[in-house]
Amino acid sequence: MLFKIKSYIKFLISGTSKYSIHSPFLHHFIQDVLDHGGIFYCFPAIELVRKKVSQDKKTIKKSDLGAGSSYGNKNVIQINQVLKQEQSSPKKAKLLFKMVNYFKPEKVLEMGTSLGFTTAYLANARKKNEVLSVEADKQKCKIASITIKSLGIKNVKIINSSFSDLIEKAKHWHFNFIYFDGNHTEKATLSYFNWAVEKVSENDVFVFDDIYWSKEMHNAWAAIINHEKPTLTLDLFSMGIVFFNPNLSKQHIKLIHPSNFY
């Protein structure tokens, strides 16, 4: 927590507001995605299911979890605590929905399903897309599958697999939008990025969650920024967004915005 507080102070000093943005691409992204305040038809339904799960005190066994988990030495965890500690907040999930709705990717990958609520937002954003969500924990996969089924979503496939095994099996797979929300370690994050960037196309978008989770995670984000393939990289503090369009100027922007706290 101390690292995040210190980092945000530095972020405020070096960051910029939307009023200082000159890129037409980024200006439209801020206006049509980040500042879009509309409520889409699926939002209330997803949040109604989330509310029900938030009251579920049944327990599941703790699995081998990556960095980013905060369960301490507990061997079991209540389902409502998994929801609270692991699942992206409604505001963040809705922002991801708006990104997919805006960029219209055909194939979406979510690395870290948890209980399936962010998955539901990613899938509802564009019914014509295909969403593949990967979760290493078998029990969470079952709960996520129930979440998706209860919402009548048809364009999602949830795979029970470690990310490392997936990468080995999916060497030739290509996704247009990837949400990295799994093991928040430097080594793992860079491994996933290096796998995905080999097949990247100019209109693809990568989103990395919790880039200020720890110094190690921020080191991974710094390496991604300095990689040769990304053009525009956008730091929202709560997440980092990577664009590869060669028509965009090579630059890194720290944007001071309400989404910093999602």
C-alpha atoms as a PDB file:
ATOM      1  CA  MET A   1       0.000   0.000   0.000  1.00  0.00           C
ATOM      2  CA  LEU A   2       2.849   2.400   0.843  1.00  0.00           C
ATOM      3  CA  PHE A   3       4.370   1.776  -2.605  1.00  0.00           C
ATOM      4  CA  LYS A   4       1.060   2.670  -4.274  1.00  0.00           C
ATOM      5  CA  ILE A   5       0.682   5.881  -2.256  1.00  0.00           C
ATOM      6  CA  LYS A   6       4.207   7.041  -3.054  1.00  0.00           C
ATOM      7  CA  SER A   7       3.732   6.052  -6.686  1.00  0.00           C
ATOM      8  CA  TYR A   8       0.519   8.054  -7.021  1.00  0.00           C
ATOM      9  CA  ILE A   9       2.184  11.184  -5.643  1.00  0.00           C
ATOM     10  CA  LYS A  10       4.859  10.800  -8.330  1.00  0.00           C
ATOM     11  CA  PHE A  11       2.126  10.045 -10.866  1.00  0.00           C
ATOM     12  CA  LEU A  12       0.380  13.344 -10.070  1.00  0.00           C
ATOM     13  CA  ILE A  13       3.613  15.278 -10.467  1.00  0.00           C
ATOM     14  CA  SER A  14       4.477  13.796 -13.859  1.00  0.00           C
ATOM     15  CA  GLY A  15       0.956  13.169 -15.171  1.00  0.00           C
ATOM     16  CA  THR A  16      -1.195  15.255 -17.479  1.00  0.00           C
ATOM     17  CA  SER A  17      -4.894  16.077 -17.695  1.00  0.00           C
ATOM     18  CA  LYS A  18      -7.126  15.374 -20.675  1.00  0.00           C
ATOM     19  CA  TYR A  19      -7.061  19.081 -21.526  1.00  0.00           C
ATOM     20  CA  SER A  20      -3.387  18.817 -22.449  1.00  0.00           C
ATOM     21  CA  ILE A  21      -3.890  15.913 -24.864  1.00  0.00           C
ATOM     22  CA  HIS A  22      -3.264  16.768 -28.530  1.00  0.00           C
ATOM     23  CA  SER A  23      -3.540  13.328 -30.126  1.00  0.00           C
ATOM     24  CA  PRO A  24      -6.911  13.048 -31.978  1.00  0.00           C
ATOM     25  CA  PHE A  25      -6.900   9.280 -31.348  1.00  0.00           C
ATOM     26  CA  LEU A  26      -6.455   9.699 -27.611  1.00  0.00           C
ATOM     27  CA  HIS A  27      -8.854  12.645 -27.469  1.00  0.00           C
ATOM     28  CA  HIS A  28     -11.622  10.490 -28.956  1.00  0.00           C
ATOM     29  CA  PHE A  29     -10.719   7.580 -26.675  1.00  0.00           C
ATOM     30  CA  ILE A  30     -11.035   9.784 -23.596  1.00  0.00           C
ATOM     31  CA  GLN A  31     -14.280  11.341 -24.782  1.00  0.00           C
ATOM     32  CA  ASP A  32     -15.996   8.184 -26.059  1.00  0.00           C
ATOM     33  CA  VAL A  33     -14.661   5.627 -23.586  1.00  0.00           C
ATOM     34  CA  LEU A  34     -13.150   7.049 -20.394  1.00  0.00           C
ATOM     35  CA  ASP A  35     -15.673   9.877 -20.016  1.00  0.00           C
ATOM     36  CA  HIS A  36     -18.666   7.972 -21.369  1.00  0.00           C
ATOM     37  CA  GLY A  37     -21.212   7.915 -18.565  1.00  0.00           C
ATOM     38  CA  GLY A  38     -23.981   5.922 -20.207  1.00  0.00           C
ATOM     39  CA  ILE A  39     -25.540   2.828 -18.643  1.00  0.00           C
ATOM     40  CA  PHE A  40     -25.779  -0.110 -21.043  1.00  0.00           C
ATOM     41  CA  TYR A  41     -28.645  -2.602 -20.867  1.00  0.00           C
ATOM     42  CA  CYS A  42     -26.529  -5.453 -19.433  1.00  0.00           C
ATOM     43  CA  PHE A  43     -25.052  -3.505 -16.511  1.00  0.00           C
ATOM     44  CA  PRO A  44     -27.967  -3.903 -14.050  1.00  0.00           C
ATOM     45  CA  ALA A  45     -28.288  -7.641 -14.760  1.00  0.00           C
ATOM     46  CA  ILE A  46     -24.602  -8.341 -14.120  1.00  0.00           C
ATOM     47  CA  GLU A  47     -24.591  -6.267 -10.944  1.00  0.00           C
ATOM     48  CA  LEU A  48     -27.721  -8.027  -9.691  1.00  0.00           C
ATOM     49  CA  VAL A  49     -25.905 -11.372  -9.937  1.00  0.00           C
ATOM     50  CA  ARG A  50     -22.822  -9.812  -8.320  1.00  0.00           C
ATOM     51  CA  LYS A  51     -24.977  -8.644  -5.396  1.00  0.00           C
ATOM     52  CA  LYS A  52     -26.276 -12.181  -4.905  1.00  0.00           C
ATOM     53  CA  VAL A  53     -22.752 -13.632  -4.908  1.00  0.00           C
ATOM     54  CA  SER A  54     -21.584 -10.915  -2.496  1.00  0.00           C
ATOM     55  CA  GLN A  55     -23.851 -12.541   0.104  1.00  0.00           C
ATOM     56  CA  ASP A  56     -22.536 -16.072  -0.504  1.00  0.00           C
ATOM     57  CA  LYS A  57     -20.567 -17.213   2.534  1.00  0.00           C
ATOM     58  CA  LYS A  58     -19.866 -20.739   1.331  1.00  0.00           C
ATOM     59  CA  THR A  59     -16.160 -21.525   1.276  1.00  0.00           C
ATOM     60  CA  ILE A  60     -13.799 -22.894  -1.355  1.00  0.00           C
ATOM     61  CA  LYS A  61     -10.294 -24.236  -0.894  1.00  0.00           C
ATOM     62  CA  LYS A  62      -7.427 -21.881  -1.582  1.00  0.00           C
ATOM     63  CA  SER A  63      -5.479 -22.885  -4.659  1.00  0.00           C
ATOM     64  CA  ASP A  64      -1.950 -21.995  -5.776  1.00  0.00           C
ATOM     65  CA  LEU A  65      -2.441 -18.287  -6.378  1.00  0.00           C
ATOM     66  CA  GLY A  66      -0.222 -15.797  -8.136  1.00  0.00           C
ATOM     67  CA  ALA A  67       0.952 -12.484  -6.760  1.00  0.00           C
ATOM     68  CA  GLY A  68      -1.987 -10.157  -6.302  1.00  0.00           C
ATOM     69  CA  SER A  69      -3.868 -12.375  -3.880  1.00  0.00           C
ATOM     70  CA  SER A  70      -4.242 -11.316  -0.273  1.00  0.00           C
ATOM     71  CA  TYR A  71      -5.609 -14.324   1.564  1.00  0.00           C
ATOM     72  CA  GLY A  72      -2.691 -14.739   3.937  1.00  0.00           C
ATOM     73  CA  ASN A  73      -2.373 -18.205   5.456  1.00  0.00           C
ATOM     74  CA  LYS A  74      -6.028 -19.175   5.118  1.00  0.00           C
ATOM     75  CA  ASN A  75      -6.646 -22.613   3.632  1.00  0.00           C
ATOM     76  CA  VAL A  76     -10.223 -21.774   2.692  1.00  0.00           C
ATOM     77  CA  ILE A  77     -11.889 -18.552   1.624  1.00  0.00           C
ATOM     78  CA  GLN A  78     -15.508 -17.464   1.486  1.00  0.00           C
ATOM     79  CA  ILE A  79     -16.880 -16.923  -2.013  1.00  0.00           C
ATOM     80  CA  ASN A  80     -17.948 -13.384  -1.177  1.00  0.00           C
ATOM     81  CA  GLN A  81     -14.359 -12.647  -0.087  1.00  0.00           C
ATOM     82  CA  VAL A  82     -13.026 -13.966  -3.390  1.00  0.00           C
ATOM     83  CA  LEU A  83     -15.422 -11.564  -5.105  1.00  0.00           C
ATOM     84  CA  LYS A  84     -14.218  -8.664  -2.976  1.00  0.00           C
ATOM     85  CA  GLN A  85     -10.490  -9.341  -3.175  1.00  0.00           C
ATOM     86  CA  GLU A  86     -10.027 -10.711  -6.682  1.00  0.00           C
ATOM     87  CA  GLN A  87     -12.749  -9.506  -8.999  1.00  0.00           C
ATOM     88  CA  SER A  88     -12.346  -6.207 -10.841  1.00  0.00           C
ATOM     89  CA  SER A  89     -14.575  -3.473  -9.442  1.00  0.00           C
ATOM     90  CA  PRO A  90     -17.800  -2.669 -11.297  1.00  0.00           C
ATOM     91  CA  LYS A  91     -16.299   0.633 -12.503  1.00  0.00           C
ATOM     92  CA  LYS A  92     -13.232  -1.087 -13.924  1.00  0.00           C
ATOM     93  CA  ALA A  93     -15.293  -3.856 -15.525  1.00  0.00           C
ATOM     94  CA  LYS A  94     -17.593  -1.284 -17.121  1.00  0.00           C
ATOM     95  CA  LEU A  95     -14.576   0.573 -18.484  1.00  0.00           C
ATOM     96  CA  LEU A  96     -13.330  -2.663 -20.062  1.00  0.00           C
ATOM     97  CA  PHE A  97     -16.822  -3.158 -21.526  1.00  0.00           C
ATOM     98  CA  LYS A  98     -16.637   0.306 -23.103  1.00  0.00           C
ATOM     99  CA  MET A  99     -13.183  -0.416 -24.536  1.00  0.00           C
ATOM    100  CA  VAL A 100     -14.391  -3.602 -26.231  1.00  0.00           C
ATOM    101  CA  ASN A 101     -17.534  -1.834 -27.402  1.00  0.00           C
ATOM    102  CA  TYR A 102     -15.366   0.948 -28.874  1.00  0.00           C
ATOM    103  CA  PHE A 103     -12.596  -1.071 -30.526  1.00  0.00           C
ATOM    104  CA  LYS A 104     -14.819  -4.003 -31.585  1.00  0.00           C
ATOM    105  CA  PRO A 105     -12.257  -6.828 -31.357  1.00  0.00           C
ATOM    106  CA  GLU A 106     -13.244 -10.193 -32.812  1.00  0.00           C
ATOM    107  CA  LYS A 107     -11.291 -12.316 -30.322  1.00  0.00           C
ATOM    108  CA  VAL A 108     -10.850 -11.395 -26.658  1.00  0.00           C
ATOM    109  CA  LEU A 109      -8.630 -13.102 -24.095  1.00  0.00           C
ATOM    110  CA  GLU A 110      -8.998 -12.640 -20.355  1.00  0.00           C
ATOM    111  CA  MET A 111      -6.133 -14.010 -18.289  1.00  0.00           C
ATOM    112  CA  GLY A 112      -7.741 -14.475 -14.876  1.00  0.00           C
ATOM    113  CA  THR A 113     -11.454 -15.333 -14.835  1.00  0.00           C
ATOM    114  CA  SER A 114     -12.025 -15.482 -11.074  1.00  0.00           C
ATOM    115  CA  LEU A 115     -15.823 -15.615 -10.621  1.00  0.00           C
ATOM    116  CA  GLY A 116     -16.680 -14.455 -14.139  1.00  0.00           C
ATOM    117  CA  PHE A 117     -18.058 -10.955 -13.669  1.00  0.00           C
ATOM    118  CA  THR A 118     -15.452  -9.100 -15.722  1.00  0.00           C
ATOM    119  CA  THR A 119     -15.817 -11.914 -18.252  1.00  0.00           C
ATOM    120  CA  ALA A 120     -19.529 -11.122 -18.477  1.00  0.00           C
ATOM    121  CA  TYR A 121     -18.789  -7.464 -19.227  1.00  0.00           C
ATOM    122  CA  LEU A 122     -16.207  -8.348 -21.892  1.00  0.00           C
ATOM    123  CA  ALA A 123     -18.653 -10.717 -23.601  1.00  0.00           C
ATOM    124  CA  ASN A 124     -21.671  -8.424 -23.458  1.00  0.00           C
ATOM    125  CA  ALA A 125     -19.747  -5.540 -24.986  1.00  0.00           C
ATOM    126  CA  ARG A 126     -19.920  -7.145 -28.417  1.00  0.00           C
ATOM    127  CA  LYS A 127     -22.032 -10.256 -28.915  1.00  0.00           C
ATOM    128  CA  LYS A 128     -20.239 -11.045 -32.198  1.00  0.00           C
ATOM    129  CA  ASN A 129     -16.861 -11.456 -30.531  1.00  0.00           C
ATOM    130  CA  GLU A 130     -15.388 -14.626 -29.037  1.00  0.00           C
ATOM    131  CA  VAL A 131     -14.201 -14.413 -25.448  1.00  0.00           C
ATOM    132  CA  LEU A 132     -11.742 -16.934 -24.063  1.00  0.00           C
ATOM    133  CA  SER A 133     -11.186 -16.662 -20.322  1.00  0.00           C
ATOM    134  CA  VAL A 134      -8.510 -18.636 -18.486  1.00  0.00           C
ATOM    135  CA  GLU A 135      -8.586 -19.570 -14.801  1.00  0.00           C
ATOM    136  CA  ALA A 136      -6.239 -21.971 -13.013  1.00  0.00           C
ATOM    137  CA  ASP A 137      -8.588 -22.629 -10.084  1.00  0.00           C
ATOM    138  CA  LYS A 138     -11.129 -25.374 -10.871  1.00  0.00           C
ATOM    139  CA  GLN A 139     -13.658 -24.254  -8.246  1.00  0.00           C
ATOM    140  CA  LYS A 140     -13.631 -20.673  -9.487  1.00  0.00           C
ATOM    141  CA  CYS A 141     -14.129 -21.952 -13.032  1.00  0.00           C
ATOM    142  CA  LYS A 142     -17.299 -23.718 -11.915  1.00  0.00           C
ATOM    143  CA  ILE A 143     -18.637 -20.600 -10.214  1.00  0.00           C
ATOM    144  CA  ALA A 144     -17.719 -18.446 -13.231  1.00  0.00           C
ATOM    145  CA  SER A 145     -19.525 -20.872 -15.544  1.00  0.00           C
ATOM    146  CA  ILE A 146     -22.634 -20.537 -13.387  1.00  0.00           C
ATOM    147  CA  THR A 147     -22.317 -16.734 -13.525  1.00  0.00           C
ATOM    148  CA  ILE A 148     -22.075 -16.752 -17.320  1.00  0.00           C
ATOM    149  CA  LYS A 149     -24.936 -19.224 -17.732  1.00  0.00           C
ATOM    150  CA  SER A 150     -27.216 -17.285 -15.380  1.00  0.00           C
ATOM    151  CA  LEU A 151     -26.759 -14.208 -17.578  1.00  0.00           C
ATOM    152  CA  GLY A 152     -27.558 -16.103 -20.781  1.00  0.00           C
ATOM    153  CA  ILE A 153     -24.159 -15.360 -22.329  1.00  0.00           C
ATOM    154  CA  LYS A 154     -23.230 -17.621 -25.249  1.00  0.00           C
ATOM    155  CA  ASN A 155     -19.964 -16.200 -26.623  1.00  0.00           C
ATOM    156  CA  VAL A 156     -17.647 -17.192 -23.746  1.00  0.00           C
ATOM    157  CA  LYS A 157     -15.397 -20.197 -23.296  1.00  0.00           C
ATOM    158  CA  ILE A 158     -13.811 -20.651 -19.879  1.00  0.00           C
ATOM    159  CA  ILE A 159     -10.696 -22.798 -19.737  1.00  0.00           C
ATOM    160  CA  ASN A 160      -9.383 -24.332 -16.533  1.00  0.00           C
ATOM    161  CA  SER A 161      -5.640 -24.032 -17.112  1.00  0.00           C
ATOM    162  CA  SER A 162      -2.545 -22.347 -15.791  1.00  0.00           C
ATOM    163  CA  PHE A 163      -1.393 -19.433 -17.907  1.00  0.00           C
ATOM    164  CA  SER A 164       1.918 -21.172 -18.591  1.00  0.00           C
ATOM    165  CA  ASP A 165       0.157 -24.251 -19.962  1.00  0.00           C
ATOM    166  CA  LEU A 166      -2.124 -22.066 -22.071  1.00  0.00           C
ATOM    167  CA  ILE A 167       0.807 -20.221 -23.608  1.00  0.00           C
ATOM    168  CA  GLU A 168       2.438 -23.523 -24.502  1.00  0.00           C
ATOM    169  CA  LYS A 169      -0.735 -24.801 -26.168  1.00  0.00           C
ATOM    170  CA  ALA A 170      -1.729 -21.500 -27.784  1.00  0.00           C
ATOM    171  CA  LYS A 171       1.478 -20.541 -29.562  1.00  0.00           C
ATOM    172  CA  HIS A 172      -0.384 -19.781 -32.781  1.00  0.00           C
ATOM    173  CA  TRP A 173      -3.507 -18.174 -31.308  1.00  0.00           C
ATOM    174  CA  HIS A 174      -4.098 -14.493 -31.961  1.00  0.00           C
ATOM    175  CA  PHE A 175      -6.312 -12.179 -29.911  1.00  0.00           C
ATOM    176  CA  ASN A 176      -7.291  -8.601 -30.728  1.00  0.00           C
ATOM    177  CA  PHE A 177      -7.924  -7.565 -27.129  1.00  0.00           C
ATOM    178  CA  ILE A 178      -6.176  -9.070 -24.101  1.00  0.00           C
ATOM    179  CA  TYR A 179      -6.874  -8.287 -20.466  1.00  0.00           C
ATOM    180  CA  PHE A 180      -3.950  -9.406 -18.289  1.00  0.00           C
ATOM    181  CA  ASP A 181      -5.285  -9.904 -14.760  1.00  0.00           C
ATOM    182  CA  GLY A 182      -3.499 -12.908 -13.375  1.00  0.00           C
ATOM    183  CA  ASN A 183      -0.142 -13.427 -11.724  1.00  0.00           C
ATOM    184  CA  HIS A 184       1.103  -9.933 -10.834  1.00  0.00           C
ATOM    185  CA  THR A 185       4.823 -10.716 -10.828  1.00  0.00           C
ATOM    186  CA  GLU A 186       7.404  -9.175 -13.111  1.00  0.00           C
ATOM    187  CA  LYS A 187       8.576 -12.476 -14.572  1.00  0.00           C
ATOM    188  CA  ALA A 188       5.086 -13.833 -15.245  1.00  0.00           C
ATOM    189  CA  THR A 189       3.728 -10.563 -16.673  1.00  0.00           C
ATOM    190  CA  LEU A 190       6.624 -10.177 -19.077  1.00  0.00           C
ATOM    191  CA  SER A 191       6.327 -13.822 -20.079  1.00  0.00           C
ATOM    192  CA  TYR A 192       2.660 -13.324 -21.008  1.00  0.00           C
ATOM    193  CA  PHE A 193       3.416 -10.066 -22.816  1.00  0.00           C
ATOM    194  CA  ASN A 194       6.298 -11.552 -24.816  1.00  0.00           C
ATOM    195  CA  TRP A 195       4.068 -14.444 -25.864  1.00  0.00           C
ATOM    196  CA  ALA A 196       1.237 -12.163 -26.984  1.00  0.00           C
ATOM    197  CA  VAL A 197       3.343  -9.482 -28.663  1.00  0.00           C
ATOM    198  CA  GLU A 198       4.896 -11.966 -31.101  1.00  0.00           C
ATOM    199  CA  LYS A 199       1.571 -12.194 -32.965  1.00  0.00           C
ATOM    200  CA  VAL A 200       0.308  -8.660 -32.413  1.00  0.00           C
ATOM    201  CA  SER A 201      -1.423  -6.672 -35.178  1.00  0.00           C
ATOM    202  CA  GLU A 202      -1.658  -2.914 -35.466  1.00  0.00           C
ATOM    203  CA  ASN A 203      -5.222  -2.598 -34.161  1.00  0.00           C
ATOM    204  CA  ASP A 204      -4.786  -4.904 -31.167  1.00  0.00           C
ATOM    205  CA  VAL A 205      -5.106  -3.604 -27.607  1.00  0.00           C
ATOM    206  CA  PHE A 206      -3.487  -4.989 -24.442  1.00  0.00           C
ATOM    207  CA  VAL A 207      -4.705  -3.982 -20.975  1.00  0.00           C
ATOM    208  CA  PHE A 208      -2.625  -4.706 -17.871  1.00  0.00           C
ATOM    209  CA  ASP A 209      -4.345  -4.565 -14.500  1.00  0.00           C
ATOM    210  CA  ASP A 210      -2.740  -3.225 -11.294  1.00  0.00           C
ATOM    211  CA  ILE A 211       0.449  -1.858 -12.837  1.00  0.00           C
ATOM    212  CA  TYR A 212       1.286  -0.218  -9.497  1.00  0.00           C
ATOM    213  CA  TRP A 213       0.477  -3.285  -7.404  1.00  0.00           C
ATOM    214  CA  SER A 214       4.133  -3.575  -6.399  1.00  0.00           C
ATOM    215  CA  LYS A 215       7.555  -2.374  -7.482  1.00  0.00           C
ATOM    216  CA  GLU A 216       8.013  -5.666  -9.310  1.00  0.00           C
ATOM    217  CA  MET A 217       4.778  -5.243 -11.251  1.00  0.00           C
ATOM    218  CA  HIS A 218       5.689  -1.666 -12.113  1.00  0.00           C
ATOM    219  CA  ASN A 219       9.076  -2.844 -13.373  1.00  0.00           C
ATOM    220  CA  ALA A 220       7.207  -5.130 -15.768  1.00  0.00           C
ATOM    221  CA  TRP A 221       5.096  -2.190 -16.957  1.00  0.00           C
ATOM    222  CA  ALA A 222       8.250  -0.116 -17.520  1.00  0.00           C
ATOM    223  CA  ALA A 223       9.724  -2.903 -19.656  1.00  0.00           C
ATOM    224  CA  ILE A 224       6.517  -3.079 -21.709  1.00  0.00           C
ATOM    225  CA  ILE A 225       6.587   0.683 -22.298  1.00  0.00           C
ATOM    226  CA  ASN A 226      10.161   0.455 -23.581  1.00  0.00           C
ATOM    227  CA  HIS A 227       9.517  -2.521 -25.860  1.00  0.00           C
ATOM    228  CA  GLU A 228       9.942  -1.753 -29.556  1.00  0.00           C
ATOM    229  CA  LYS A 229       6.469  -2.813 -30.709  1.00  0.00           C
ATOM    230  CA  PRO A 230       4.083  -0.621 -28.655  1.00  0.00           C
ATOM    231  CA  THR A 231       3.469   2.866 -29.982  1.00  0.00           C
ATOM    232  CA  LEU A 232       1.135   4.686 -27.604  1.00  0.00           C
ATOM    233  CA  THR A 233       1.028   3.483 -23.997  1.00  0.00           C
ATOM    234  CA  LEU A 234      -1.519   4.973 -21.615  1.00  0.00           C
ATOM    235  CA  ASP A 235      -0.995   4.847 -17.850  1.00  0.00           C
ATOM    236  CA  LEU A 236      -4.279   5.179 -15.924  1.00  0.00           C
ATOM    237  CA  PHE A 237      -2.597   4.120 -12.672  1.00  0.00           C
ATOM    238  CA  SER A 238      -5.279   1.486 -12.047  1.00  0.00           C
ATOM    239  CA  MET A 239      -4.346  -0.128 -15.355  1.00  0.00           C
ATOM    240  CA  GLY A 240      -2.041   0.291 -18.320  1.00  0.00           C
ATOM    241  CA  ILE A 241      -3.265   0.263 -21.926  1.00  0.00           C
ATOM    242  CA  VAL A 242      -0.986  -0.598 -24.838  1.00  0.00           C
ATOM    243  CA  PHE A 243      -1.620   0.311 -28.485  1.00  0.00           C
ATOM    244  CA  PHE A 244       0.359  -0.887 -31.496  1.00  0.00           C
ATOM    245  CA  ASN A 245      -1.004   1.249 -34.327  1.00  0.00           C
ATOM    246  CA  PRO A 246       1.993   2.550 -36.348  1.00  0.00           C
ATOM    247  CA  ASN A 247       0.007   5.680 -37.221  1.00  0.00           C
ATOM    248  CA  LEU A 248       0.238   6.764 -33.581  1.00  0.00           C
ATOM    249  CA  SER A 249       3.258   8.636 -32.300  1.00  0.00           C
ATOM    250  CA  LYS A 250       5.602   6.703 -30.026  1.00  0.00           C
ATOM    251  CA  GLN A 251       4.778   8.151 -26.622  1.00  0.00           C
ATOM    252  CA  HIS A 252       3.853   7.274 -23.055  1.00  0.00           C
ATOM    253  CA  ILE A 253       1.146   9.258 -21.296  1.00  0.00           C
ATOM    254  CA  LYS A 254       0.201   9.276 -17.621  1.00  0.00           C
ATOM    255  CA  LEU A 255      -3.376  10.509 -17.564  1.00  0.00           C
ATOM    256  CA  ILE A 256      -4.798  12.059 -14.401  1.00  0.00           C
ATOM    257  CA  HIS A 257      -8.408  10.941 -14.505  1.00  0.00           C
ATOM    258  CA  PRO A 258     -11.128   9.508 -12.198  1.00  0.00           C
ATOM    259  CA  SER A 259     -10.316   6.060 -13.643  1.00  0.00           C
ATOM    260  CA  ASN A 260      -7.035   6.202 -11.692  1.00  0.00           C
ATOM    261  CA  PHE A 261      -9.020   4.878  -8.714  1.00  0.00           C
ATOM    262  CA  TYR A 262     -11.054   2.116 -10.440  1.00  0.00           C
END
